[in-house]
C-alpha atoms as a PDB file:
ATOM      1  CA  UNK A   1      60.031   3.738   4.015  1.00  0.00           C
ATOM      2  CA  UNK A   2      63.014   3.233   6.290  1.00  0.00           C
ATOM      3  CA  UNK A   3      66.274   2.898   4.381  1.00  0.00           C
ATOM      4  CA  UNK A   4      68.804   1.068   6.499  1.00  0.00           C
ATOM      5  CA  UNK A   5      72.115  -0.365   5.304  1.00  0.00           C
ATOM      6  CA  UNK A   6      71.013  -0.868   1.683  1.00  0.00           C
ATOM      7  CA  UNK A   7      67.692  -2.401   2.590  1.00  0.00           C
ATOM      8  CA  UNK A   8      64.274  -0.748   2.523  1.00  0.00           C
ATOM      9  CA  UNK A   9      61.651  -1.478   5.141  1.00  0.00           C
ATOM     10  CA  UNK A  10      58.010  -0.514   5.254  1.00  0.00           C
ATOM     11  CA  UNK A  11      56.983   0.425   8.759  1.00  0.00           C
ATOM     12  CA  UNK A  12      53.974   1.239  10.932  1.00  0.00           C
ATOM     13  CA  UNK A  13      53.955   3.415  14.002  1.00  0.00           C
ATOM     14  CA  UNK A  14      51.062   1.884  15.868  1.00  0.00           C
ATOM     15  CA  UNK A  15      49.943   1.887  19.458  1.00  0.00           C
ATOM     16  CA  UNK A  16      51.276  -1.670  19.623  1.00  0.00           C
ATOM     17  CA  UNK A  17      54.672  -0.586  18.303  1.00  0.00           C
ATOM     18  CA  UNK A  18      54.780   2.237  20.846  1.00  0.00           C
ATOM     19  CA  UNK A  19      53.846  -0.184  23.650  1.00  0.00           C
ATOM     20  CA  UNK A  20      56.449  -2.734  22.533  1.00  0.00           C
ATOM     21  CA  UNK A  21      59.121  -0.032  22.482  1.00  0.00           C
ATOM     22  CA  UNK A  22      58.084   1.217  25.924  1.00  0.00           C
ATOM     23  CA  UNK A  23      58.089  -2.318  27.355  1.00  0.00           C
ATOM     24  CA  UNK A  24      61.683  -2.833  26.160  1.00  0.00           C
ATOM     25  CA  UNK A  25      63.098   0.614  26.967  1.00  0.00           C
ATOM     26  CA  UNK A  26      60.807   2.502  29.329  1.00  0.00           C
ATOM     27  CA  UNK A  27      60.720   5.342  26.781  1.00  0.00           C
ATOM     28  CA  UNK A  28      57.855   6.880  24.826  1.00  0.00           C
ATOM     29  CA  UNK A  29      58.502   6.381  21.095  1.00  0.00           C
ATOM     30  CA  UNK A  30      56.699   9.569  20.101  1.00  0.00           C
ATOM     31  CA  UNK A  31      58.821  11.633  22.480  1.00  0.00           C
ATOM     32  CA  UNK A  32      62.008   9.953  21.266  1.00  0.00           C
ATOM     33  CA  UNK A  33      61.125  10.855  17.673  1.00  0.00           C
ATOM     34  CA  UNK A  34      60.274  14.428  18.680  1.00  0.00           C
ATOM     35  CA  UNK A  35      63.685  14.739  20.326  1.00  0.00           C
ATOM     36  CA  UNK A  36      65.414  14.045  17.002  1.00  0.00           C
ATOM     37  CA  UNK A  37      63.465  16.820  15.311  1.00  0.00           C
ATOM     38  CA  UNK A  38      63.957  19.301  18.142  1.00  0.00           C
ATOM     39  CA  UNK A  39      67.653  18.617  18.575  1.00  0.00           C
ATOM     40  CA  UNK A  40      68.411  18.825  14.874  1.00  0.00           C
ATOM     41  CA  UNK A  41      66.938  22.319  14.644  1.00  0.00           C
ATOM     42  CA  UNK A  42      68.177  23.538  18.035  1.00  0.00           C
ATOM     43  CA  UNK A  43      71.722  24.194  16.852  1.00  0.00           C
ATOM     44  CA  UNK A  44      71.721  25.693  13.341  1.00  0.00           C
ATOM     45  CA  UNK A  45      75.319  26.846  13.775  1.00  0.00           C
ATOM     46  CA  UNK A  46      76.663  23.292  14.083  1.00  0.00           C
ATOM     47  CA  UNK A  47      78.733  21.652  11.371  1.00  0.00           C
ATOM     48  CA  UNK A  48      77.468  18.352   9.986  1.00  0.00           C
ATOM     49  CA  UNK A  49      79.944  16.453  12.139  1.00  0.00           C
ATOM     50  CA  UNK A  50      78.829  18.314  15.267  1.00  0.00           C
ATOM     51  CA  UNK A  51      75.189  17.662  14.365  1.00  0.00           C
ATOM     52  CA  UNK A  52      75.830  13.920  13.972  1.00  0.00           C
ATOM     53  CA  UNK A  53      77.528  13.852  17.369  1.00  0.00           C
ATOM     54  CA  UNK A  54      74.623  15.746  18.925  1.00  0.00           C
ATOM     55  CA  UNK A  55      71.991  13.470  17.362  1.00  0.00           C
ATOM     56  CA  UNK A  56      74.068  10.398  18.205  1.00  0.00           C
ATOM     57  CA  UNK A  57      74.111  11.388  21.884  1.00  0.00           C
ATOM     58  CA  UNK A  58      70.324  11.609  22.122  1.00  0.00           C
ATOM     59  CA  UNK A  59      69.839   7.878  22.503  1.00  0.00           C
ATOM     60  CA  UNK A  60      72.127   4.883  22.456  1.00  0.00           C
ATOM     61  CA  UNK A  61      72.289   2.664  19.409  1.00  0.00           C
ATOM     62  CA  UNK A  62      70.541   0.018  21.510  1.00  0.00           C
ATOM     63  CA  UNK A  63      67.536   2.324  22.011  1.00  0.00           C
ATOM     64  CA  UNK A  64      67.535   3.161  18.285  1.00  0.00           C
ATOM     65  CA  UNK A  65      67.618  -0.568  17.453  1.00  0.00           C
ATOM     66  CA  UNK A  66      64.540  -1.172  19.584  1.00  0.00           C
ATOM     67  CA  UNK A  67      62.733   1.810  18.049  1.00  0.00           C
ATOM     68  CA  UNK A  68      63.415   0.695  14.494  1.00  0.00           C
ATOM     69  CA  UNK A  69      62.558  -2.912  15.308  1.00  0.00           C
ATOM     70  CA  UNK A  70      59.252  -1.910  16.926  1.00  0.00           C
ATOM     71  CA  UNK A  71      58.059  -0.014  13.843  1.00  0.00           C
ATOM     72  CA  UNK A  72      59.478  -2.377  11.197  1.00  0.00           C
ATOM     73  CA  UNK A  73      58.296  -5.649  12.780  1.00  0.00           C
ATOM     74  CA  UNK A  74      54.549  -5.087  12.070  1.00  0.00           C
ATOM     75  CA  UNK A  75      55.310  -5.030   8.326  1.00  0.00           C
ATOM     76  CA  UNK A  76      58.137  -7.580   8.217  1.00  0.00           C
ATOM     77  CA  UNK A  77      57.525 -10.495  10.559  1.00  0.00           C
ATOM     78  CA  UNK A  78      60.746 -12.153   9.374  1.00  0.00           C
ATOM     79  CA  UNK A  79      62.964  -9.297  10.587  1.00  0.00           C
ATOM     80  CA  UNK A  80      64.895  -9.945  13.773  1.00  0.00           C
ATOM     81  CA  UNK A  81      66.285  -7.480  16.267  1.00  0.00           C
ATOM     82  CA  UNK A  82      69.726  -8.876  15.420  1.00  0.00           C
ATOM     83  CA  UNK A  83      69.277  -7.819  11.776  1.00  0.00           C
ATOM     84  CA  UNK A  84      68.478  -4.259  12.864  1.00  0.00           C
ATOM     85  CA  UNK A  85      71.418  -4.230  15.294  1.00  0.00           C
ATOM     86  CA  UNK A  86      73.785  -5.414  12.584  1.00  0.00           C
ATOM     87  CA  UNK A  87      72.514  -2.779  10.141  1.00  0.00           C
ATOM     88  CA  UNK A  88      72.887   0.125  12.567  1.00  0.00           C
ATOM     89  CA  UNK A  89      76.389  -1.090  13.456  1.00  0.00           C
ATOM     90  CA  UNK A  90      77.445  -1.309   9.814  1.00  0.00           C
ATOM     91  CA  UNK A  91      76.210   2.148   8.833  1.00  0.00           C
ATOM     92  CA  UNK A  92      77.746   3.731  11.902  1.00  0.00           C
ATOM     93  CA  UNK A  93      77.089   7.244  13.111  1.00  0.00           C
ATOM     94  CA  UNK A  94      78.785   9.477  10.513  1.00  0.00           C
ATOM     95  CA  UNK A  95      77.284  10.764   7.259  1.00  0.00           C
ATOM     96  CA  UNK A  96      78.384   8.902   4.160  1.00  0.00           C
ATOM     97  CA  UNK A  97      79.650  10.534   1.002  1.00  0.00           C
ATOM     98  CA  UNK A  98      77.632   8.155  -1.188  1.00  0.00           C
ATOM     99  CA  UNK A  99      75.086   9.800  -3.498  1.00  0.00           C
ATOM    100  CA  UNK A 100      72.265   7.479  -2.401  1.00  0.00           C
ATOM    101  CA  UNK A 101      70.517   7.598   0.953  1.00  0.00           C
ATOM    102  CA  UNK A 102      70.739   3.879   1.645  1.00  0.00           C
ATOM    103  CA  UNK A 103      73.658   3.966   4.071  1.00  0.00           C
ATOM    104  CA  UNK A 104      72.996   7.004   6.207  1.00  0.00           C
ATOM    105  CA  UNK A 105      73.961   6.726   9.872  1.00  0.00           C
ATOM    106  CA  UNK A 106      71.370   5.673  12.403  1.00  0.00           C
ATOM    107  CA  UNK A 107      70.872   9.206  13.822  1.00  0.00           C
ATOM    108  CA  UNK A 108      69.873  10.359  10.319  1.00  0.00           C
ATOM    109  CA  UNK A 109      67.616   7.324   9.886  1.00  0.00           C
ATOM    110  CA  UNK A 110      65.881   8.251  13.151  1.00  0.00           C
ATOM    111  CA  UNK A 111      65.642  11.913  12.141  1.00  0.00           C
ATOM    112  CA  UNK A 112      64.075  10.936   8.799  1.00  0.00           C
ATOM    113  CA  UNK A 113      61.652   8.594  10.562  1.00  0.00           C
ATOM    114  CA  UNK A 114      60.708  11.403  12.938  1.00  0.00           C
ATOM    115  CA  UNK A 115      60.113  13.817  10.067  1.00  0.00           C
ATOM    116  CA  UNK A 116      57.945  11.237   8.248  1.00  0.00           C
ATOM    117  CA  UNK A 117      55.911  10.591  11.384  1.00  0.00           C
ATOM    118  CA  UNK A 118      55.499  14.306  12.029  1.00  0.00           C
ATOM    119  CA  UNK A 119      54.270  14.839   8.468  1.00  0.00           C
ATOM    120  CA  UNK A 120      51.826  11.944   8.813  1.00  0.00           C
ATOM    121  CA  UNK A 121      50.426  13.387  12.045  1.00  0.00           C
ATOM    122  CA  UNK A 122      50.125  16.872  10.578  1.00  0.00           C
ATOM    123  CA  UNK A 123      48.257  15.551   7.535  1.00  0.00           C
ATOM    124  CA  UNK A 124      46.047  12.936   9.163  1.00  0.00           C
ATOM    125  CA  UNK A 125      45.101  13.926  12.677  1.00  0.00           C
ATOM    126  CA  UNK A 126      41.901  15.956  12.603  1.00  0.00           C
ATOM    127  CA  UNK A 127      41.580  18.812  15.045  1.00  0.00           C
ATOM    128  CA  UNK A 128      37.799  18.963  15.240  1.00  0.00           C
ATOM    129  CA  UNK A 129      36.733  15.328  15.664  1.00  0.00           C
ATOM    130  CA  UNK A 130      38.234  12.167  17.029  1.00  0.00           C
ATOM    131  CA  UNK A 131      39.449   9.918  14.241  1.00  0.00           C
ATOM    132  CA  UNK A 132      38.873   6.171  14.263  1.00  0.00           C
ATOM    133  CA  UNK A 133      41.840   4.037  15.249  1.00  0.00           C
ATOM    134  CA  UNK A 134      44.207   3.678  12.308  1.00  0.00           C
ATOM    135  CA  UNK A 135      47.692   2.425  11.611  1.00  0.00           C
ATOM    136  CA  UNK A 136      50.343   4.123   9.550  1.00  0.00           C
END
């Protein structure tokens, strides 16, 4: 579940979503997600503000919008790229002090998405046989 600006979205990271993202940005979605994980853990000495700046510099908000749109669209055909753009603009880039996790900044949303995807891959990709094509 992606929580973005007080709205929850189911999502699927599929080959089609990865291709759509690549076609729009020229970037590999799996690598982009891996960068959020790697960068978050690369600097344990950073303050939260420094970490948000570091994660925010990984990719522009435009790239993040396309990534979120690519994985949300398969589950929510009514969602537009403009809706995602508006949501990432409204939540900004700095951590909120709200007790819920519905208005976290887009770098945190991407980091959470990356962690979810990593967990899915670790739990569902067999190492001894090729798995049939499946969506998450």
